[in-house]
């Protein structure tokens, strides 16, 4: 899960989006989004449908998000 959090943050920053901007684009609260990027400390990740949406918005594959 730490790998997902790291990859998510890297991909978001590469697109030049803040956490708040990206959370709004995904339609989730900033608090929810921040937990996903929290390096797996709380062991929360989004469901597969949301991961797919994240990948599409950030122009990466699901594998790049999950595996790196």
Protein backbone atom coordinates (compact mmCIF):
# COMPACT_ATOMS: atom_id res chain seq x y z
CA UNK A 1 0.00 0.00 0.00
CA UNK A 2 2.92 2.29 0.57
CA UNK A 3 3.90 1.83 -3.05
CA UNK A 4 0.42 2.94 -4.19
CA UNK A 5 0.58 6.05 -2.00
CA UNK A 6 4.03 6.97 -3.31
CA UNK A 7 3.08 6.35 -6.94
CA UNK A 8 -0.16 8.29 -6.56
CA UNK A 9 1.60 11.32 -5.13
CA UNK A 10 4.31 11.22 -7.80
CA UNK A 11 1.77 10.99 -10.65
CA UNK A 12 -0.38 13.78 -9.20
CA UNK A 13 2.59 16.10 -8.77
CA UNK A 14 3.78 15.30 -12.31
CA UNK A 15 0.42 16.60 -13.57
CA UNK A 16 0.88 19.75 -11.48
CA UNK A 17 -2.21 19.21 -9.33
CA UNK A 18 -2.57 19.95 -5.64
CA UNK A 19 -4.21 17.39 -3.38
CA UNK A 20 -7.25 19.66 -3.10
CA UNK A 21 -7.55 20.12 -6.87
CA UNK A 22 -7.22 16.43 -7.55
CA UNK A 23 -9.68 15.44 -4.83
CA UNK A 24 -12.22 17.82 -6.35
CA UNK A 25 -11.64 16.39 -9.82
CA UNK A 26 -12.17 12.88 -8.47
CA UNK A 27 -15.25 13.93 -6.53
CA UNK A 28 -13.93 12.87 -3.13
CA UNK A 29 -13.27 14.86 0.01
CA UNK A 30 -9.81 16.22 0.62
CA UNK A 31 -9.67 14.14 3.82
CA UNK A 32 -10.33 10.94 1.87
CA UNK A 33 -7.72 11.79 -0.71
CA UNK A 34 -5.08 12.69 1.88
CA UNK A 35 -5.50 9.27 3.51
CA UNK A 36 -4.71 7.59 0.18
CA UNK A 37 -1.45 9.53 -0.09
CA UNK A 38 -0.48 8.98 3.53
CA UNK A 39 2.13 6.34 2.58
CA UNK A 40 -0.12 3.49 3.63
CA UNK A 41 0.06 4.42 7.29
CA UNK A 42 -3.67 3.91 7.71
CA UNK A 43 -3.86 1.11 5.11
CA UNK A 44 -6.60 2.76 3.02
CA UNK A 45 -6.71 2.69 -0.75
CA UNK A 46 -9.56 3.48 -3.14
CA UNK A 47 -11.61 0.77 -4.81
CA UNK A 48 -10.79 -0.50 -8.30
CA UNK A 49 -13.30 1.80 -10.02
CA UNK A 50 -11.72 4.86 -8.41
CA UNK A 51 -8.19 3.62 -9.13
CA UNK A 52 -9.19 3.33 -12.78
CA UNK A 53 -10.52 6.90 -12.75
CA UNK A 54 -7.31 8.12 -11.09
CA UNK A 55 -5.21 6.38 -13.73
CA UNK A 56 -7.22 7.97 -16.54
CA UNK A 57 -6.99 11.48 -15.08
CA UNK A 58 -3.27 11.20 -14.37
CA UNK A 59 -2.45 9.55 -17.70
CA UNK A 60 -0.88 6.47 -16.12
CA UNK A 61 -1.79 2.79 -16.09
CA UNK A 62 -3.35 1.06 -13.13
CA UNK A 63 -0.22 -1.07 -12.95
CA UNK A 64 1.94 2.06 -12.67
CA UNK A 65 -0.15 3.20 -9.70
CA UNK A 66 -0.28 -0.12 -7.91
CA UNK A 67 3.06 -1.67 -8.78
CA UNK A 68 5.22 1.22 -9.87
